[in-house]
Amino acid sequence: MTTSRRAVVAAFASLPLALAAAPSALAAPRVRADRTVYLAGDSTAAQKYADAAPETGWGMALPFFLTPSLAVANHAVNGRSSKSFVDEGRLAAILGVIRPGDLLIVQFGHNDEKSDDPTRYTEPWSTYQDYLRQYLDGARDRGAQPVLATPVERRKFDANGNAVPTHGDYPAAMRALASEEGVPLLDVQALSIALWQQLGEEGTKAYFNWTGTVQDNTHFQPRGAIAVARLTARALLDGAVLAPGDLQRLDETVPESWITWPEAGAPTADGAV
């Protein structure tokens, strides 16, 4: 085998599993990432495995919109709130490896709302903001860029076919905190509810996990995860958190077949399990 042939084979072998079937991703050898985008969040963003397919977290699709100079480390976990993620040591795990120049995107709210569960519940204008400050302070202390993302909206429509917000004061509390702390805000709640309104009550079923007998208005199937990841990536650009050269495919079709679900316990493209 020639030296050039070995180089091509090595470049192909280094591609993430999720991109292995993507023709445009094979156009050039993958380069080593310069920075890492860390995700702290709940099940709407989390990595899903084969036993949960076709349920898909939007964090699984985010790498499709970032150039190879940016890696994604998806630490989002099902069922977590801003509080329980900290209390379980998951924020500490991120802060133990995050480096100057990296990003930490923080999206919580779904489980902070569970007032009947003291291990997860936070009050929007006090404890929710207090916990979120721990993410901001921890990232900034390590030279990384914290980014707040309002919780992606659920699928809910009123009798007139209007998309209805479901997160109460949590998005407003996060917006206020971002302004107070001077950190970038990705208003995913506003962006997603506008998209659900555009798609309509029936059209959104193909984006959420409505499959077979399942009627899930919180979690996504591939189409929805890709759409929310695209909204998030575009917000990173519009907010000048990332530069145009950091992003790709914002206006291109991303095939749903690019989403893959590893077996539980198997390493994902970023090495997480």
Protein backbone atom coordinates (compact mmCIF):
# COMPACT_ATOMS: atom_id res chain seq x y z
CA MET A 1 0.00 0.00 0.00
CA THR A 2 1.40 3.42 -0.96
CA THR A 3 1.93 6.19 1.56
CA SER A 4 -0.88 8.27 0.04
CA ARG A 5 -3.25 5.28 0.10
CA ARG A 6 -2.46 4.68 3.80
CA ALA A 7 -3.25 8.33 4.53
CA VAL A 8 -6.67 8.06 2.86
CA VAL A 9 -7.50 4.88 4.76
CA ALA A 10 -6.40 6.43 8.06
CA ALA A 11 -8.51 9.54 7.42
CA PHE A 12 -11.60 7.41 6.71
CA ALA A 13 -11.07 5.35 9.86
CA SER A 14 -10.97 8.48 12.01
CA LEU A 15 -14.44 9.66 10.95
CA PRO A 16 -17.14 9.63 13.71
CA LEU A 17 -19.62 6.79 13.42
CA ALA A 18 -22.52 9.21 12.97
CA LEU A 19 -20.90 10.67 9.83
CA ALA A 20 -19.65 7.47 8.26
CA ALA A 21 -22.54 7.32 5.80
CA ALA A 22 -22.52 11.02 4.94
CA PRO A 23 -21.10 11.59 1.43
CA SER A 24 -20.27 15.26 2.00
CA ALA A 25 -18.41 14.36 5.18
CA LEU A 26 -16.05 12.16 3.19
CA ALA A 27 -14.94 14.92 0.86
CA ALA A 28 -11.87 15.76 2.96
CA PRO A 29 -9.82 14.04 5.68
CA ARG A 30 -11.02 14.86 9.16
CA VAL A 31 -8.75 17.12 11.14
CA ARG A 32 -8.18 17.12 14.87
CA ALA A 33 -10.67 19.34 16.70
CA ASP A 34 -9.24 22.56 18.08
CA ARG A 35 -12.08 23.14 20.54
CA THR A 36 -14.84 21.14 22.18
CA VAL A 37 -18.49 22.07 22.60
CA TYR A 38 -19.76 20.52 25.85
CA LEU A 39 -23.49 19.98 26.30
CA ALA A 40 -25.08 19.95 29.77
CA GLY A 41 -28.77 19.15 29.58
CA ASP A 42 -31.60 16.65 29.79
CA SER A 43 -33.20 13.95 27.64
CA THR A 44 -34.18 16.34 24.85
CA ALA A 45 -30.46 16.74 24.02
CA ALA A 46 -29.01 13.45 25.28
CA GLN A 47 -27.38 10.62 23.36
CA LYS A 48 -29.87 7.80 22.75
CA TYR A 49 -29.03 4.14 22.28
CA ALA A 50 -30.39 1.30 20.18
CA ASP A 51 -33.02 0.30 22.75
CA ALA A 52 -34.57 3.81 22.55
CA ALA A 53 -34.57 4.26 18.73
CA PRO A 54 -36.02 6.20 17.01
CA GLU A 55 -35.95 8.63 19.96
CA THR A 56 -33.16 11.12 19.24
CA GLY A 57 -31.60 13.91 21.29
CA TRP A 58 -30.78 17.09 19.39
CA GLY A 59 -27.21 16.86 20.67
CA MET A 60 -26.78 13.78 18.47
CA ALA A 61 -27.36 15.94 15.39
CA LEU A 62 -25.35 19.01 16.41
CA PRO A 63 -22.02 17.66 14.99
CA PHE A 64 -23.53 17.68 11.49
CA PHE A 65 -23.63 21.48 11.62
CA LEU A 66 -20.14 22.06 13.06
CA THR A 67 -16.90 21.86 11.10
CA PRO A 68 -14.30 19.25 12.11
CA SER A 69 -12.38 21.87 14.10
CA LEU A 70 -15.11 21.58 16.76
CA ALA A 71 -15.81 18.37 18.66
CA VAL A 72 -19.03 17.75 20.59
CA ALA A 73 -18.96 16.17 24.04
CA ASN A 74 -22.58 15.41 24.87
CA HIS A 75 -22.98 15.10 28.64
CA ALA A 76 -26.76 15.61 28.62
CA VAL A 77 -28.60 12.86 30.52
CA ASN A 78 -32.23 11.78 30.65
CA GLY A 79 -34.27 13.18 33.51
CA ARG A 80 -31.80 15.71 34.86
CA SER A 81 -32.43 19.25 36.00
CA SER A 82 -29.98 22.07 36.58
CA LYS A 83 -29.92 20.93 40.22
CA SER A 84 -29.64 17.15 39.91
CA PHE A 85 -26.96 17.45 37.20
CA VAL A 86 -24.82 19.39 39.69
CA ASP A 87 -25.72 17.25 42.70
CA GLU A 88 -24.72 14.05 40.87
CA GLY A 89 -21.28 15.46 40.06
CA ARG A 90 -21.92 15.74 36.33
CA LEU A 91 -20.99 19.42 36.12
CA ALA A 92 -17.81 18.68 38.08
CA ALA A 93 -16.93 16.01 35.52
CA ILE A 94 -17.19 18.56 32.70
CA LEU A 95 -15.21 21.16 34.62
CA GLY A 96 -12.49 18.62 35.20
CA VAL A 97 -11.75 18.38 31.47
CA ILE A 98 -12.97 21.61 29.85
CA ARG A 99 -10.20 23.80 28.45
CA PRO A 100 -9.72 27.49 27.61
CA GLY A 101 -11.53 28.28 24.37
CA ASP A 102 -14.07 25.45 24.74
CA LEU A 103 -17.82 26.10 24.93
CA LEU A 104 -20.31 24.88 27.52
CA ILE A 105 -23.93 24.99 26.31
CA VAL A 106 -26.37 24.68 29.22
CA GLN A 107 -30.02 23.79 28.55
CA PHE A 108 -32.28 22.84 31.44
CA GLY A 109 -35.89 23.49 32.38
CA HIS A 110 -38.02 20.43 31.60
CA ASN A 111 -37.18 18.67 34.86
CA ASP A 112 -36.60 21.78 36.96
CA GLU A 113 -40.38 22.20 36.64
CA LYS A 114 -41.17 18.99 38.56
CA SER A 115 -42.35 20.50 41.84
CA ASP A 116 -43.22 17.08 43.27
CA ASP A 117 -39.57 15.94 43.11
CA PRO A 118 -37.23 17.75 45.53
CA THR A 119 -34.17 16.14 43.94
CA ARG A 120 -34.85 18.00 40.69
CA TYR A 121 -37.17 20.93 41.35
CA THR A 122 -35.89 24.49 41.24
CA GLU A 123 -37.80 27.76 41.51
CA PRO A 124 -37.29 29.82 38.34
CA TRP A 125 -36.38 33.17 39.89
CA SER A 126 -34.19 31.84 42.68
CA THR A 127 -32.74 28.33 42.83
CA TYR A 128 -32.88 27.79 39.05
CA GLN A 129 -30.76 30.88 38.49
CA ASP A 130 -28.51 29.97 41.43
CA TYR A 131 -27.71 26.57 39.95
CA LEU A 132 -27.20 27.98 36.47
CA ARG A 133 -24.64 30.42 37.90
CA GLN A 134 -22.54 27.42 38.95
CA TYR A 135 -22.23 26.41 35.29
CA LEU A 136 -21.37 29.96 34.24
CA ASP A 137 -18.81 30.51 36.98
CA GLY A 138 -17.23 27.08 36.53
CA ALA A 139 -16.74 27.52 32.79
CA ARG A 140 -15.43 31.08 33.05
CA ASP A 141 -13.01 30.14 35.82
CA ARG A 142 -11.43 27.67 33.40
CA GLY A 143 -11.25 30.05 30.44
CA ALA A 144 -14.18 28.45 28.62
CA GLN A 145 -17.23 30.21 27.17
CA PRO A 146 -20.55 29.42 28.87
CA VAL A 147 -23.69 29.66 26.73
CA LEU A 148 -27.24 29.48 28.07
CA ALA A 149 -29.95 27.87 25.94
CA THR A 150 -33.60 28.17 26.90
CA PRO A 151 -35.37 24.78 27.04
CA VAL A 152 -36.64 23.51 23.71
CA GLU A 153 -40.42 23.70 23.57
CA ARG A 154 -42.75 20.72 23.82
CA ARG A 155 -45.42 19.92 21.23
CA LYS A 156 -48.64 21.43 22.54
CA PHE A 157 -51.43 23.16 20.58
CA ASP A 158 -54.63 24.86 21.70
CA ALA A 159 -58.08 24.38 20.18
CA ASN A 160 -57.31 27.04 17.57
CA GLY A 161 -54.17 25.29 16.38
CA ASN A 162 -51.74 27.67 18.07
CA ALA A 163 -48.50 26.32 19.54
CA VAL A 164 -48.63 26.84 23.31
CA PRO A 165 -45.62 27.50 25.59
CA THR A 166 -45.22 24.98 28.40
CA HIS A 167 -42.17 26.10 30.40
CA GLY A 168 -43.69 28.81 32.56
CA ASP A 169 -41.19 31.35 33.89
CA TYR A 170 -38.08 29.25 33.28
CA PRO A 171 -37.20 30.71 29.83
CA ALA A 172 -37.74 34.26 31.12
CA ALA A 173 -35.60 33.55 34.17
CA MET A 174 -32.80 32.22 31.96
CA ARG A 175 -33.04 35.22 29.62
CA ALA A 176 -32.78 37.57 32.58
CA LEU A 177 -29.79 35.70 33.98
CA ALA A 178 -27.98 35.77 30.64
CA SER A 179 -28.49 39.54 30.46
CA GLU A 180 -27.38 40.04 34.06
CA GLU A 181 -24.29 37.87 33.68
CA GLY A 182 -23.39 39.06 30.17
CA VAL A 183 -23.29 35.58 28.65
CA PRO A 184 -24.62 34.50 25.23
CA LEU A 185 -28.20 33.26 25.10
CA LEU A 186 -29.59 30.82 22.54
CA ASP A 187 -33.36 31.33 22.74
CA VAL A 188 -34.21 27.81 21.63
CA GLN A 189 -37.61 27.98 23.33
CA ALA A 190 -38.69 30.92 21.17
CA LEU A 191 -37.13 29.48 18.02
CA SER A 192 -38.66 26.04 18.47
CA ILE A 193 -42.18 27.19 19.30
CA ALA A 194 -42.09 29.37 16.17
CA LEU A 195 -41.09 26.31 14.14
CA TRP A 196 -43.84 24.17 15.69
CA GLN A 197 -46.35 26.91 14.85
CA GLN A 198 -45.15 26.95 11.26
CA LEU A 199 -45.36 23.16 10.94
CA GLY A 200 -48.75 22.90 12.62
CA GLU A 201 -50.36 20.33 14.88
CA GLU A 202 -50.23 17.50 12.35
CA GLY A 203 -46.90 18.40 10.77
CA THR A 204 -45.05 18.36 14.08
CA LYS A 205 -45.89 14.70 14.67
CA ALA A 206 -43.10 13.73 12.25
CA TYR A 207 -40.64 15.71 14.39
CA PHE A 208 -41.61 14.36 17.80
CA ASN A 209 -41.48 10.73 18.85
CA TRP A 210 -44.88 9.77 17.47
CA THR A 211 -44.10 6.23 16.33
CA GLY A 212 -46.38 3.22 16.44
CA THR A 213 -48.42 3.45 19.62
CA VAL A 214 -46.05 6.04 21.16
CA GLN A 215 -47.35 9.61 21.32
CA ASP A 216 -44.47 11.53 22.89
CA ASN A 217 -44.74 15.32 22.76
CA THR A 218 -41.42 16.00 24.50
CA HIS A 219 -38.77 13.89 22.76
CA PHE A 220 -37.76 13.85 19.12
CA GLN A 221 -37.28 11.42 16.31
CA PRO A 222 -34.44 12.16 13.85
CA ARG A 223 -36.24 14.86 11.88
CA GLY A 224 -36.98 16.87 15.00
CA ALA A 225 -33.52 16.43 16.50
CA ILE A 226 -31.92 17.64 13.27
CA ALA A 227 -34.27 20.64 13.13
CA VAL A 228 -33.51 21.69 16.72
CA ALA A 229 -29.78 21.17 16.24
CA ARG A 230 -29.97 23.39 13.15
CA LEU A 231 -31.81 26.09 15.15
CA THR A 232 -29.13 25.86 17.85
CA ALA A 233 -26.25 26.02 15.40
CA ARG A 234 -27.76 29.00 13.60
CA ALA A 235 -28.29 30.76 16.95
CA LEU A 236 -24.61 30.18 17.77
CA LEU A 237 -23.75 31.97 14.52
CA ASP A 238 -26.34 34.75 14.88
CA GLY A 239 -25.13 35.43 18.43
CA ALA A 240 -21.50 35.57 17.27
CA VAL A 241 -20.61 32.73 19.63
CA LEU A 242 -19.17 30.87 16.62
CA ALA A 243 -17.82 32.26 13.36
CA PRO A 244 -19.11 31.31 9.91
CA GLY A 245 -16.07 29.09 9.39
CA ASP A 246 -17.06 27.02 12.44
CA LEU A 247 -20.37 25.95 10.91
CA GLN A 248 -21.56 23.98 7.91
CA ARG A 249 -24.76 22.70 6.23
CA LEU A 250 -26.99 25.35 7.84
CA ASP A 251 -28.97 25.60 4.62
CA GLU A 252 -28.47 22.04 3.39
CA THR A 253 -30.57 18.92 3.82
CA VAL A 254 -29.19 16.59 6.47
CA PRO A 255 -30.49 13.05 5.84
CA GLU A 256 -32.23 11.40 8.76
CA SER A 257 -30.23 8.26 7.91
CA TRP A 258 -27.12 9.98 9.30
CA ILE A 259 -28.50 9.48 12.82
CA THR A 260 -27.28 6.27 14.41
CA TRP A 261 -28.01 4.65 17.76
CA PRO A 262 -25.11 2.69 19.28
CA GLU A 263 -25.69 -0.23 21.58
CA ALA A 264 -25.98 0.79 25.21
CA GLY A 265 -22.55 1.15 26.79
CA ALA A 266 -20.79 1.52 23.44
CA PRO A 267 -18.58 4.59 22.91
CA THR A 268 -20.09 7.35 20.77
CA ALA A 269 -18.25 9.53 18.25
CA ASP A 270 -16.93 11.83 20.96
CA GLY A 271 -15.83 8.91 23.13
CA ALA A 272 -18.65 9.29 25.68
CA VAL A 273 -20.73 6.31 26.80
